[in-house]
Protein backbone atom coordinates (compact mmCIF):
# COMPACT_ATOMS: atom_id res chain seq x y z
CA MET A 1 2.33 13.73 -59.30
CA LEU A 2 5.33 13.68 -61.95
CA SER A 3 5.01 11.65 -65.26
CA ASP A 4 7.22 9.21 -66.00
CA ILE A 5 8.72 11.32 -69.09
CA GLU A 6 9.42 14.34 -66.43
CA ILE A 7 10.96 11.99 -64.24
CA ALA A 8 13.35 10.96 -66.90
CA GLN A 9 13.59 14.71 -67.95
CA LYS A 10 15.17 15.75 -64.68
CA ALA A 11 17.08 13.19 -64.22
CA SER A 12 21.13 13.76 -63.65
CA MET A 13 23.07 11.61 -66.35
CA LYS A 14 26.82 10.33 -66.29
CA LYS A 15 28.65 10.50 -69.59
CA ILE A 16 28.64 7.26 -71.34
CA GLN A 17 32.24 6.77 -71.18
CA GLU A 18 31.84 6.93 -66.86
CA ILE A 19 29.06 4.32 -66.79
CA ALA A 20 31.49 2.12 -69.31
CA ALA A 21 34.83 2.08 -67.38
CA ARG A 22 32.37 1.09 -63.79
CA ILE A 23 32.34 -2.13 -65.68
CA GLY A 24 35.71 -2.34 -67.59
CA ILE A 25 35.20 -1.10 -71.03
CA PRO A 26 37.62 1.48 -72.01
CA GLU A 27 36.71 4.58 -73.63
CA GLU A 28 38.60 3.40 -76.87
CA SER A 29 35.82 0.49 -77.39
CA LEU A 30 32.90 2.72 -77.33
CA GLU A 31 31.08 3.99 -80.27
CA PRO A 32 29.34 7.26 -78.95
CA TYR A 33 26.01 8.53 -80.08
CA GLY A 34 25.67 12.09 -78.13
CA ARG A 35 27.15 11.98 -74.17
CA TYR A 36 24.39 9.26 -73.11
CA LYS A 37 24.74 6.55 -75.30
CA ALA A 38 27.40 4.52 -77.01
CA LYS A 39 27.77 1.20 -78.76
CA VAL A 40 30.13 -1.27 -77.62
CA SER A 41 32.83 -2.64 -80.30
CA LEU A 42 33.15 -6.63 -80.85
CA GLU A 43 36.53 -6.46 -80.62
CA PHE A 44 36.24 -5.57 -76.69
CA VAL A 45 32.99 -8.03 -76.95
CA ASP A 46 35.58 -10.83 -78.40
CA SER A 47 38.43 -10.32 -75.77
CA LEU A 48 36.21 -11.42 -72.90
CA LYS A 49 35.53 -14.99 -73.85
CA GLY A 50 37.14 -17.11 -71.41
CA ARG A 51 36.19 -14.65 -67.99
CA LYS A 52 34.14 -16.36 -65.65
CA ASP A 53 29.92 -15.49 -66.15
CA GLY A 54 28.07 -14.10 -63.51
CA LYS A 55 24.54 -15.05 -62.46
CA LEU A 56 21.80 -14.77 -64.98
CA ILE A 57 18.39 -13.20 -63.12
CA LEU A 58 15.05 -13.72 -65.54
CA VAL A 59 12.01 -11.37 -65.19
CA THR A 60 8.43 -12.74 -66.59
CA ALA A 61 5.22 -11.58 -65.24
CA ILE A 62 1.75 -13.04 -65.21
CA SER A 63 -0.39 -12.60 -68.13
CA PRO A 64 -0.39 -8.91 -69.00
CA THR A 65 -3.79 -7.28 -68.22
CA PRO A 66 -5.01 -3.69 -69.42
CA ALA A 67 -4.34 -2.78 -65.48
CA GLY A 68 -0.82 -2.96 -65.77
CA GLU A 69 2.07 -4.90 -64.17
CA GLY A 70 5.28 -3.58 -64.93
CA LYS A 71 7.90 -6.03 -65.42
CA THR A 72 10.67 -3.55 -67.65
CA THR A 73 10.17 -0.82 -64.56
CA THR A 74 10.70 -4.39 -62.15
CA THR A 75 13.59 -5.33 -63.97
CA VAL A 76 15.50 -1.78 -63.70
CA GLY A 77 14.21 -1.70 -60.05
CA LEU A 78 15.72 -5.06 -59.62
CA GLY A 79 19.06 -4.25 -60.99
CA ASP A 80 19.05 -1.09 -59.48
CA ALA A 81 18.70 -2.84 -55.98
CA LEU A 82 20.94 -4.97 -56.62
CA ASN A 83 23.68 -2.06 -56.99
CA HIS A 84 22.13 -0.60 -53.82
CA ILE A 85 23.40 -3.47 -51.83
CA GLY A 86 26.63 -3.20 -52.73
CA LYS A 87 26.66 -5.97 -56.06
CA LYS A 88 27.84 -5.67 -59.66
CA ALA A 89 24.90 -5.72 -61.38
CA ILE A 90 23.97 -4.93 -65.31
CA ILE A 91 20.62 -5.16 -66.77
CA CYS A 92 19.79 -6.13 -70.22
CA LEU A 93 16.59 -4.92 -71.78
CA ARG A 94 15.26 -4.95 -75.00
CA GLU A 95 14.53 -1.92 -77.47
CA PRO A 96 11.13 -0.75 -77.65
CA SER A 97 9.72 -0.93 -81.08
CA LEU A 98 7.34 1.88 -82.13
CA GLY A 99 4.45 0.34 -82.90
CA PRO A 100 3.78 0.01 -79.21
CA VAL A 101 4.88 3.29 -78.56
CA PHE A 102 2.65 5.12 -80.70
CA GLY A 103 -0.19 2.57 -80.25
CA MET A 104 -0.91 1.19 -77.00
CA LYS A 105 1.55 1.05 -74.40
CA GLY A 106 3.56 4.53 -75.04
CA GLY A 107 6.99 4.66 -73.82
CA ALA A 108 8.70 1.23 -72.69
CA ALA A 109 11.52 2.52 -70.60
CA GLY A 110 10.62 1.66 -67.29
CA GLY A 111 8.55 3.82 -65.06
CA GLY A 112 8.73 6.37 -62.15
CA TYR A 113 11.96 5.94 -60.52
CA ALA A 114 13.16 2.99 -62.06
CA GLN A 115 13.81 3.76 -65.44
CA VAL A 116 16.92 3.67 -68.11
CA VAL A 117 17.68 7.04 -69.76
CA PRO A 118 17.62 8.74 -71.85
CA MET A 119 14.22 7.92 -72.34
CA GLU A 120 13.33 9.60 -74.92
CA ASP A 121 16.04 8.45 -77.27
CA ILE A 122 15.30 4.76 -76.27
CA ASN A 123 11.81 4.80 -77.17
CA LEU A 124 12.15 6.52 -80.31
CA HIS A 125 15.31 6.55 -82.61
CA PHE A 126 17.92 5.05 -80.16
CA THR A 127 20.82 4.03 -82.14
CA GLY A 128 19.37 3.13 -85.75
CA ASP A 129 19.05 -0.55 -85.13
CA PHE A 130 15.23 -1.01 -86.28
CA ASN A 131 16.07 0.92 -89.10
CA ALA A 132 18.76 -1.37 -90.04
CA ILE A 133 17.14 -4.22 -89.39
CA ALA A 134 13.65 -3.13 -91.90
CA LEU A 135 16.59 -2.22 -94.43
CA ALA A 136 17.88 -5.32 -94.88
CA ASN A 137 14.87 -7.09 -94.52
CA ASN A 138 13.39 -4.93 -97.38
CA LEU A 139 16.59 -5.37 -99.54
CA LEU A 140 16.04 -8.99 -99.66
CA ALA A 141 12.09 -8.19 -100.52
CA ALA A 142 13.38 -6.09 -103.38
CA LEU A 143 16.23 -8.58 -104.44
CA ILE A 144 13.34 -11.48 -104.82
CA ASP A 145 11.30 -8.99 -106.77
CA ASN A 146 13.82 -7.92 -109.13
CA HIS A 147 14.97 -11.44 -109.98
CA ILE A 148 12.06 -12.42 -110.89
CA ASN A 149 11.38 -9.44 -113.30
CA HIS A 150 14.95 -9.69 -114.79
CA GLY A 151 14.39 -13.67 -116.00
CA ASN A 152 13.61 -15.67 -113.33
CA ALA A 153 16.65 -17.80 -113.39
CA LEU A 154 16.24 -19.58 -110.36
CA GLY A 155 12.61 -20.73 -111.19
CA ILE A 156 10.77 -18.55 -107.97
CA ASP A 157 6.80 -19.56 -108.42
CA VAL A 158 5.54 -15.74 -107.37
CA ARG A 159 2.70 -17.70 -105.88
CA ARG A 160 5.10 -19.58 -103.46
CA ILE A 161 7.41 -15.90 -102.15
CA VAL A 162 7.00 -16.79 -98.15
CA TRP A 163 9.15 -13.16 -96.98
CA LYS A 164 7.53 -10.15 -96.49
CA ARG A 165 8.35 -6.67 -96.24
CA VAL A 166 8.38 -4.88 -92.84
CA MET A 167 8.11 -1.63 -91.11
CA ASP A 168 8.46 -0.55 -87.50
CA MET A 169 4.84 0.71 -86.77
CA ASN A 170 1.12 -0.51 -86.18
CA ASP A 171 -0.71 -0.17 -89.94
CA ARG A 172 -3.86 -3.06 -90.45
CA ALA A 173 -4.01 -1.57 -93.81
CA LEU A 174 -0.17 -3.32 -94.99
CA ARG A 175 -1.36 -6.62 -94.13
CA ASP A 176 -2.66 -7.94 -97.35
CA ILE A 177 -1.85 -5.86 -100.36
CA THR A 178 -0.55 -6.31 -103.96
CA ILE A 179 2.04 -4.95 -105.49
CA ALA A 180 4.23 -4.06 -108.62
CA LEU A 181 0.73 -2.50 -110.56
CA GLY A 182 1.49 0.04 -113.33
CA GLY A 183 2.43 -2.25 -116.02
CA PRO A 184 5.53 -4.64 -117.02
CA ALA A 185 7.87 -1.92 -115.77
CA ASN A 186 7.27 -2.56 -112.65
CA GLY A 187 7.59 -5.94 -112.32
CA TYR A 188 4.81 -9.09 -111.77
CA PRO A 189 1.67 -8.08 -109.96
CA ARG A 190 1.45 -10.04 -106.82
CA GLN A 191 -0.36 -10.41 -103.80
CA ASP A 192 2.39 -9.32 -100.48
CA GLY A 193 2.00 -8.05 -97.00
CA PHE A 194 4.15 -6.54 -94.48
CA ASP A 195 4.74 -7.81 -90.96
CA ILE A 196 5.96 -5.30 -88.24
CA VAL A 197 9.80 -5.43 -88.20
CA VAL A 198 9.99 -6.91 -83.95
CA ALA A 199 8.45 -10.18 -86.62
CA SER A 200 10.82 -10.04 -89.07
CA GLU A 201 13.37 -12.98 -88.88
CA ILE A 202 16.00 -10.76 -89.24
CA MET A 203 15.25 -10.00 -86.17
CA ALA A 204 15.56 -13.17 -84.56
CA ILE A 205 18.22 -13.60 -86.29
CA PHE A 206 19.88 -10.26 -85.18
CA CYS A 207 19.37 -11.52 -81.65
CA LEU A 208 20.52 -15.00 -81.77
CA ALA A 209 23.60 -14.23 -83.68
CA THR A 210 26.73 -14.01 -81.93
CA SER A 211 29.33 -12.81 -84.39
CA ILE A 212 28.98 -11.03 -87.70
CA LYS A 213 30.29 -14.48 -89.52
CA ASP A 214 27.55 -15.91 -87.67
CA LEU A 215 24.51 -13.59 -89.08
CA LYS A 216 26.04 -13.37 -92.09
CA ALA A 217 25.53 -16.94 -92.39
CA ARG A 218 22.27 -17.53 -90.97
CA ILE A 219 21.18 -14.73 -93.22
CA GLY A 220 22.29 -17.05 -96.23
CA ASN A 221 20.11 -19.61 -94.68
CA ILE A 222 16.85 -17.45 -94.89
CA VAL A 223 14.05 -19.66 -97.39
CA VAL A 224 13.03 -17.01 -99.21
CA ALA A 225 10.52 -18.77 -101.36
CA TYR A 226 10.27 -22.14 -103.57
CA THR A 227 9.82 -23.07 -107.11
CA ARG A 228 6.94 -24.95 -108.41
CA GLU A 229 8.67 -28.44 -107.55
CA GLN A 230 8.85 -27.05 -103.98
CA LYS A 231 12.54 -26.05 -103.98
CA PRO A 232 13.30 -23.85 -101.51
CA ILE A 233 15.45 -21.00 -102.79
CA LEU A 234 17.47 -19.55 -99.94
CA ALA A 235 18.93 -15.63 -99.63
CA ARG A 236 22.37 -16.55 -100.67
CA ASP A 237 21.14 -17.99 -103.93
CA LEU A 238 19.86 -14.31 -104.59
CA GLY A 239 23.71 -13.36 -103.08
CA ALA A 240 21.25 -11.12 -100.63
CA ALA A 241 23.55 -11.91 -97.56
CA GLY A 242 26.69 -9.99 -98.03
CA ALA A 243 24.95 -6.65 -98.46
CA MET A 244 22.42 -7.33 -95.95
CA THR A 245 25.14 -8.49 -92.95
CA ALA A 246 26.68 -4.81 -94.58
CA LEU A 247 23.84 -3.11 -93.56
CA LEU A 248 23.50 -4.54 -90.10
CA LYS A 249 27.07 -4.82 -89.05
CA ASP A 250 27.06 -1.82 -86.89
CA ALA A 251 23.82 -1.96 -85.26
CA LEU A 252 25.26 -5.74 -83.97
CA LEU A 253 27.26 -3.85 -81.76
CA PRO A 254 25.59 -3.77 -78.41
CA ASN A 255 23.99 -0.41 -77.27
CA LEU A 256 24.94 0.74 -73.43
CA VAL A 257 22.90 3.47 -71.69
CA GLN A 258 22.00 3.94 -67.88
CA THR A 259 19.36 4.17 -65.38
CA LEU A 260 17.98 6.80 -63.25
CA GLU A 261 20.68 5.73 -60.62
CA ASN A 262 23.27 5.49 -63.18
CA ASN A 263 24.08 2.02 -63.38
CA PRO A 264 24.82 0.30 -66.76
CA ALA A 265 22.04 -1.12 -68.86
CA PHE A 266 22.53 -2.93 -72.13
CA ILE A 267 19.53 -2.32 -74.85
CA HIS A 268 19.77 -4.34 -77.63
CA GLY A 269 17.23 -6.02 -79.88
CA GLY A 270 13.33 -6.39 -79.72
CA PRO A 271 11.34 -9.05 -81.14
CA PHE A 272 7.96 -9.17 -79.49
CA ALA A 273 7.21 -12.61 -77.43
CA ASN A 274 3.38 -12.35 -78.71
CA ILE A 275 4.86 -12.77 -82.25
CA ALA A 276 8.40 -13.09 -82.17
CA HIS A 277 10.60 -15.23 -79.49
CA GLY A 278 10.91 -12.04 -77.20
CA CYS A 279 14.24 -11.38 -75.93
CA ASN A 280 17.34 -9.14 -76.46
CA SER A 281 20.30 -10.23 -78.35
CA VAL A 282 22.81 -12.79 -77.03
CA ILE A 283 25.33 -10.39 -77.92
CA ALA A 284 24.16 -7.83 -75.18
CA THR A 285 23.20 -10.73 -72.28
CA GLN A 286 26.89 -12.79 -73.06
CA THR A 287 29.07 -9.50 -72.88
CA ALA A 288 26.97 -8.45 -69.43
CA LEU A 289 27.56 -11.85 -67.88
CA LYS A 290 31.20 -11.22 -68.39
CA LEU A 291 31.00 -7.53 -66.94
CA GLY A 292 28.80 -8.21 -63.99
CA ASP A 293 28.57 -10.42 -60.66
CA TYR A 294 24.80 -10.08 -61.77
CA VAL A 295 22.72 -9.66 -64.90
CA VAL A 296 18.76 -9.07 -64.59
CA THR A 297 17.07 -9.56 -67.94
CA GLU A 298 13.65 -9.29 -69.10
CA ALA A 299 11.52 -12.15 -71.81
CA GLY A 300 8.19 -10.31 -73.33
CA PHE A 301 4.48 -11.05 -71.66
CA GLY A 302 4.11 -13.84 -69.38
CA ALA A 303 6.29 -16.65 -68.55
CA ASP A 304 4.09 -19.02 -70.74
CA LEU A 305 5.50 -16.84 -73.59
CA GLY A 306 8.64 -15.06 -73.07
CA ALA A 307 9.98 -16.96 -70.32
CA GLU A 308 9.07 -20.15 -72.42
CA LYS A 309 10.88 -18.79 -75.81
CA PHE A 310 13.93 -17.60 -73.61
CA ILE A 311 14.67 -21.23 -71.85
CA ASP A 312 13.96 -23.33 -74.91
CA ILE A 313 14.71 -21.06 -78.06
CA LYS A 314 17.58 -18.30 -76.59
CA CYS A 315 19.37 -20.73 -74.05
CA ARG A 316 18.76 -23.71 -76.04
CA LYS A 317 20.79 -21.95 -78.82
CA SER A 318 23.51 -20.12 -77.03
CA GLY A 319 23.80 -22.27 -73.43
CA LEU A 320 23.06 -19.36 -70.98
CA ARG A 321 21.28 -20.68 -67.69
CA PRO A 322 19.03 -18.31 -65.53
CA SER A 323 20.10 -18.50 -61.91
CA ALA A 324 16.79 -17.58 -60.18
CA VAL A 325 13.13 -16.34 -61.64
CA VAL A 326 11.02 -13.24 -60.87
CA ILE A 327 7.59 -13.24 -61.60
CA VAL A 328 6.13 -9.90 -61.61
CA ALA A 329 2.51 -8.97 -60.49
CA THR A 330 0.47 -6.74 -59.39
CA ILE A 331 -2.99 -6.86 -56.93
CA ARG A 332 -4.83 -4.86 -59.64
CA ALA A 333 -4.20 -6.92 -62.41
CA LEU A 334 -4.71 -9.96 -61.05
CA LYS A 335 -8.18 -8.88 -59.61
CA TYR A 336 -9.11 -7.80 -63.43
CA HIS A 337 -8.23 -12.08 -63.84
CA GLY A 338 -10.47 -12.92 -61.43
CA GLY A 339 -13.37 -10.96 -63.58
CA MET A 340 -13.28 -7.21 -62.26
CA GLU A 341 -13.38 -4.46 -64.51
CA VAL A 342 -10.35 -1.76 -65.32
CA LYS A 343 -12.32 1.04 -63.87
CA ASP A 344 -12.49 -0.97 -60.62
CA VAL A 345 -9.81 -2.84 -60.11
CA SER A 346 -8.41 -0.17 -57.33
CA ASN A 347 -11.69 -1.26 -54.75
CA GLU A 348 -10.34 -3.67 -52.60
CA ASN A 349 -12.18 -7.15 -53.57
CA VAL A 350 -10.87 -10.18 -51.66
CA ALA A 351 -12.92 -12.61 -53.76
CA ALA A 352 -11.65 -11.53 -57.03
CA LEU A 353 -8.43 -11.52 -55.87
CA GLU A 354 -8.75 -14.98 -54.89
CA LYS A 355 -10.16 -16.05 -58.65
CA GLY A 356 -7.35 -14.38 -59.97
CA ILE A 357 -4.59 -15.26 -58.04
CA VAL A 358 -5.10 -18.97 -60.41
CA ASN A 359 -3.19 -17.10 -63.27
CA LEU A 360 -0.17 -16.35 -61.38
CA GLU A 361 -0.47 -19.95 -59.91
CA ARG A 362 0.36 -21.66 -63.02
CA HIS A 363 2.90 -19.01 -64.21
CA ILE A 364 4.76 -20.37 -60.32
CA HIS A 365 3.93 -24.15 -61.28
CA ASN A 366 5.67 -23.53 -65.32
CA VAL A 367 8.65 -21.57 -63.67
CA THR A 368 9.07 -24.15 -60.90
CA GLN A 369 8.13 -27.16 -62.58
CA ASN A 370 8.30 -27.04 -66.08
CA TYR A 371 11.42 -24.88 -66.48
CA GLY A 372 12.84 -26.16 -63.01
CA LEU A 373 14.14 -23.11 -61.75
CA PRO A 374 13.27 -20.95 -58.28
CA CYS A 375 11.28 -17.98 -57.87
CA VAL A 376 10.14 -15.19 -56.22
CA VAL A 377 6.90 -12.97 -56.58
CA SER A 378 7.51 -9.67 -56.70
CA ILE A 379 4.15 -7.22 -56.75
CA ASN A 380 5.31 -4.09 -57.98
CA HIS A 381 3.47 -1.91 -55.34
CA ARG A 382 0.56 0.16 -55.77
CA THR A 383 -1.32 2.62 -53.33
CA HIS A 384 -4.42 1.23 -53.20
CA ASP A 385 -3.46 -2.36 -52.14
CA THR A 386 -5.12 -3.16 -48.91
CA GLU A 387 -3.53 -5.56 -46.12
CA ALA A 388 -6.23 -8.01 -46.42
CA GLU A 389 -5.68 -8.31 -50.44
CA LEU A 390 -1.76 -8.47 -49.82
CA GLN A 391 -2.10 -11.39 -47.12
CA LEU A 392 -4.50 -13.54 -48.95
CA LEU A 393 -1.61 -13.58 -52.14
CA VAL A 394 1.16 -14.21 -49.60
CA ALA A 395 -0.35 -17.33 -48.18
CA ARG A 396 -0.88 -18.52 -51.47
CA CYS A 397 1.84 -18.23 -53.11
CA GLU A 398 4.02 -19.44 -49.94
CA LYS A 399 1.66 -22.52 -50.02
CA MET A 400 3.04 -23.17 -53.85
CA GLY A 401 6.18 -22.55 -52.20
CA ALA A 402 7.29 -19.37 -53.75
CA LYS A 403 8.21 -16.15 -51.96
CA VAL A 404 6.62 -12.92 -52.18
CA VAL A 405 8.28 -9.71 -51.86
CA VAL A 406 6.29 -6.28 -52.17
CA ALA A 407 8.39 -4.06 -54.25
CA ARG A 408 8.01 0.01 -54.02
CA HIS A 409 10.93 0.80 -56.73
CA TRP A 410 8.37 2.50 -58.58
CA ALA A 411 8.33 5.14 -56.09
CA ASP A 412 11.62 4.86 -54.26
CA GLY A 413 14.08 3.49 -57.09
CA GLY A 414 16.15 0.91 -56.10
CA LYS A 415 16.46 1.10 -52.67
CA GLY A 416 12.64 -0.05 -52.47
CA ALA A 417 13.62 -3.31 -54.30
CA ALA A 418 16.11 -3.95 -52.26
CA GLU A 419 14.76 -6.71 -49.93
CA LEU A 420 13.59 -8.35 -53.41
CA ALA A 421 17.60 -8.35 -54.53
CA LYS A 422 18.54 -9.86 -51.22
CA MET A 423 15.87 -12.72 -51.75
CA VAL A 424 17.13 -12.94 -55.29
CA VAL A 425 20.92 -12.96 -54.00
CA ASP A 426 20.07 -16.28 -51.90
CA MET A 427 18.09 -17.83 -54.69
CA CYS A 428 21.41 -17.66 -57.19
CA GLU A 429 23.45 -19.63 -54.84
CA GLN A 430 20.88 -22.44 -54.57
CA PRO A 431 21.23 -25.04 -57.22
CA ASN A 432 18.22 -25.77 -59.46
CA SER A 433 16.78 -28.17 -61.70
CA PHE A 434 16.64 -25.56 -65.05
CA ARG A 435 15.65 -27.65 -67.87
CA TYR A 436 13.19 -27.25 -71.43
CA VAL A 437 10.14 -28.13 -71.66
CA TYR A 438 10.68 -30.18 -74.39
CA GLU A 439 13.16 -32.34 -75.97
CA GLU A 440 15.03 -31.44 -79.31
CA SER A 441 14.41 -34.69 -80.83
CA ALA A 442 10.77 -34.51 -80.44
CA PRO A 443 8.79 -34.42 -83.61
CA LEU A 444 7.34 -30.83 -84.52
CA TRP A 445 3.89 -31.67 -83.91
CA ASP A 446 4.47 -33.28 -80.40
CA LYS A 447 6.83 -30.23 -79.36
CA MET A 448 3.90 -27.99 -80.08
CA LYS A 449 1.79 -30.48 -78.07
CA THR A 450 3.68 -30.33 -75.17
CA ILE A 451 4.02 -26.19 -75.22
CA ALA A 452 0.44 -26.33 -75.15
CA SER A 453 -0.47 -29.02 -72.52
CA ARG A 454 2.20 -28.83 -70.14
CA ILE A 455 2.46 -24.75 -70.55
CA TYR A 456 -1.21 -23.39 -71.82
CA GLY A 457 -2.89 -25.95 -69.87
CA ALA A 458 -5.00 -27.45 -73.56
CA THR A 459 -6.13 -30.53 -73.53
CA ASP A 460 -5.13 -30.50 -77.48
CA ILE A 461 -3.85 -29.02 -80.57
CA THR A 462 -5.32 -28.57 -83.70
CA ALA A 463 -4.49 -27.56 -87.42
CA ASP A 464 -6.22 -27.83 -91.08
CA SER A 465 -5.28 -30.62 -93.73
CA LYS A 466 -2.86 -28.08 -94.97
CA VAL A 467 -1.31 -26.90 -92.10
CA ARG A 468 -0.74 -30.27 -90.73
CA ALA A 469 0.71 -30.66 -94.41
CA GLN A 470 3.51 -28.30 -93.61
CA ILE A 471 4.74 -29.20 -90.40
CA LYS A 472 4.89 -32.80 -91.92
CA LYS A 473 7.17 -31.27 -94.59
CA LEU A 474 9.60 -29.26 -92.56
CA GLN A 475 9.68 -32.48 -90.24
CA GLU A 476 10.65 -34.37 -93.55
CA ASP A 477 12.69 -31.99 -94.95
CA GLY A 478 14.98 -31.98 -92.24
CA TYR A 479 13.81 -29.12 -89.81
CA GLY A 480 12.54 -31.41 -87.07
CA HIS A 481 14.94 -30.62 -84.34
CA TYR A 482 14.50 -27.02 -84.77
CA PRO A 483 12.35 -25.05 -81.40
CA ILE A 484 8.81 -23.78 -81.80
CA CYS A 485 8.35 -19.76 -81.73
CA VAL A 486 4.69 -20.01 -80.98
CA ALA A 487 2.87 -16.59 -82.01
CA LYS A 488 -0.57 -16.06 -79.72
CA THR A 489 -2.16 -13.94 -77.78
CA GLN A 490 -0.47 -12.55 -74.64
CA TYR A 491 -3.34 -12.35 -72.77
CA SER A 492 -4.67 -15.42 -72.37
CA PHE A 493 -3.23 -18.65 -71.72
CA SER A 494 -5.63 -19.49 -74.17
CA THR A 495 -6.04 -18.19 -78.03
CA ASP A 496 -9.16 -16.37 -76.96
CA PRO A 497 -7.70 -13.22 -75.08
CA ALA A 498 -10.77 -12.50 -73.64
CA LEU A 499 -10.43 -15.57 -71.29
CA ARG A 500 -8.87 -14.60 -68.03
CA GLY A 501 -7.11 -16.40 -65.12
CA ALA A 502 -6.13 -19.92 -65.84
CA PRO A 503 -8.31 -21.25 -68.45
CA SER A 504 -8.12 -25.54 -68.81
CA GLY A 505 -9.21 -27.88 -71.28
CA HIS A 506 -8.96 -25.83 -74.36
CA VAL A 507 -7.67 -26.20 -77.85
CA VAL A 508 -5.21 -24.25 -79.31
CA THR A 509 -5.83 -24.18 -83.04
CA ILE A 510 -2.01 -23.73 -85.53
CA ARG A 511 -3.67 -21.55 -88.30
CA GLU A 512 -0.08 -21.19 -90.10
CA VAL A 513 3.53 -22.33 -89.86
CA ARG A 514 6.51 -20.30 -91.17
CA LEU A 515 9.97 -21.79 -91.32
CA ALA A 516 12.70 -19.42 -89.79
CA ALA A 517 15.97 -21.22 -91.23
CA GLY A 518 18.32 -18.39 -90.21
CA ALA A 519 16.90 -18.01 -86.80
CA GLU A 520 16.79 -22.12 -86.80
CA PHE A 521 13.12 -22.21 -85.29
CA ILE A 522 9.40 -23.03 -86.35
CA VAL A 523 6.88 -20.36 -86.09
CA MET A 524 3.03 -21.34 -85.56
CA VAL A 525 1.02 -18.76 -85.41
CA CYS A 526 -2.46 -20.01 -83.43
CA GLY A 527 -5.60 -18.12 -83.09
CA ASP A 528 -6.31 -14.92 -84.57
CA ILE A 529 -3.17 -13.01 -83.80
CA MET A 530 -1.95 -10.90 -86.29
CA THR A 531 2.43 -10.19 -87.07
CA MET A 532 1.50 -6.85 -88.38
CA PRO A 533 -0.77 -5.09 -84.93
CA GLY A 534 -3.21 -2.54 -85.93
CA LEU A 535 -3.13 1.09 -83.64
CA PRO A 536 -6.10 1.42 -81.01
CA LYS A 537 -8.92 3.36 -81.49
CA VAL A 538 -7.61 5.84 -79.73
CA PRO A 539 -3.64 5.67 -80.20
CA SER A 540 -0.66 7.00 -78.01
CA ALA A 541 0.29 8.99 -80.52
CA ASN A 542 -2.64 11.39 -80.35
CA ALA A 543 -0.59 12.16 -76.56
CA ILE A 544 2.94 12.58 -77.78
CA ASP A 545 3.93 16.12 -78.59
CA VAL A 546 6.91 18.97 -78.67
CA GLY A 547 6.75 21.21 -76.52
CA ASP A 548 8.08 24.82 -77.88
CA ASP A 549 11.43 24.52 -75.65
CA GLY A 550 11.65 21.40 -77.80
CA LYS A 551 10.84 19.08 -75.15
CA ILE A 552 8.51 15.89 -76.10
CA ILE A 553 6.13 15.63 -73.48
CA GLY A 554 2.85 12.74 -73.35
CA LEU A 555 5.53 9.76 -74.04
CA PHE A 556 4.22 7.78 -71.38
């Protein structure tokens, strides 16, 4: 059996100009990065205003497990399937971060015969967007320390600097560091730390901005520090917004690539959903909706994290409205939620499956009852799935009013998900009751409590007196209308990653609160989640290599 990268390397790709022409993008509106990837000019994007939007389809999943689900694979497979049945469909994905590529996950461009290509480029440096975001973020960090070193005219309290440096790699050693050692010439020593690029507020701003003007304004609004009198210091106070925007100007252009079946795909931006808002750029999604009849996008991790933020942050800020939702699951992953260990999930175990289905059922409930959207469950088929297991799963889902499709896009590409595509098209024509989880006018504390109780199944939220005081001050300072971006483990509805299935009755502890004034949301860090991940004991980097012929091997 061929590996994902071997399948991708055998792909017959078409020049990106051909892919662009199929959806009406003229060659003069492209900025090619080689033969098979290109950026699309903002002038062309602006010219699309006034066109009717296509239907937006959100792909989400159950709570992720080591047994695997295949959300990106399903997103790509569904896009190919829609084109296979004669529809004009475009895929919108996030760019992979080098953290998981070299850490736990390996590649993140789909799998099997449902991939986006060129796979190696997409998984590694791609078009340099993440590098531009890191540089802009770290320029701001450098300007803060430089301002203090040269007299500190703004009166920044060095104990109250909230802006961190970033890099796009898992590195636990950088979480807490001391900087500016070595004497007066190197500035004032202070405690600092790094986040991963995908957790940066610049990444969130990048993915929510709708134009260069909007990007620059949002960057200027970033709160980087406070004075001793608790007065906020903004990026614009440091004169940083213009230079940062210059670094991001070209990156803001959406990236166009293709699937293995030569269908168009936009891949742009990439915030994680467990520590950020987990959606690709608004610009890419809006552009695709003007060019295609159907747009398939994904939100990170399960429907409790990525989908909730897609609804309450991305849709709220942009006016986007999904028409249908696909929830991805595997029999293997559901049995893991039912208590089986990863090494055993290929064995038939109807009892474990029945126990684990509660995880899927809560995600179905959240999508249909809390988000007001129709959904279909797509079972990413594996050869070890048995008829008894499939029958149980179909029966339980149908009892909740959700249809189930066994999709075989991993093995068969678009034609393997044709039934799923037809079902999604039908759902898109039905009226829905799309709604947000909470009202914009609700207080910040109540918004977080609503998410915890309605989406996570918690009975309450808690925080120490310092965090409560921070939330109260943010409310009083005029940020109460902002949505909430929860940073918590993706592996459980609770803040304990070991609690599988659908735990209820737990209490969500808010450990830290961060203001993202440029992105216009409040980050609430819960449990033990880290915004700078660490590498696992055996990182994926150990398996990645380059052959004598220059081909990359071991990348998923």
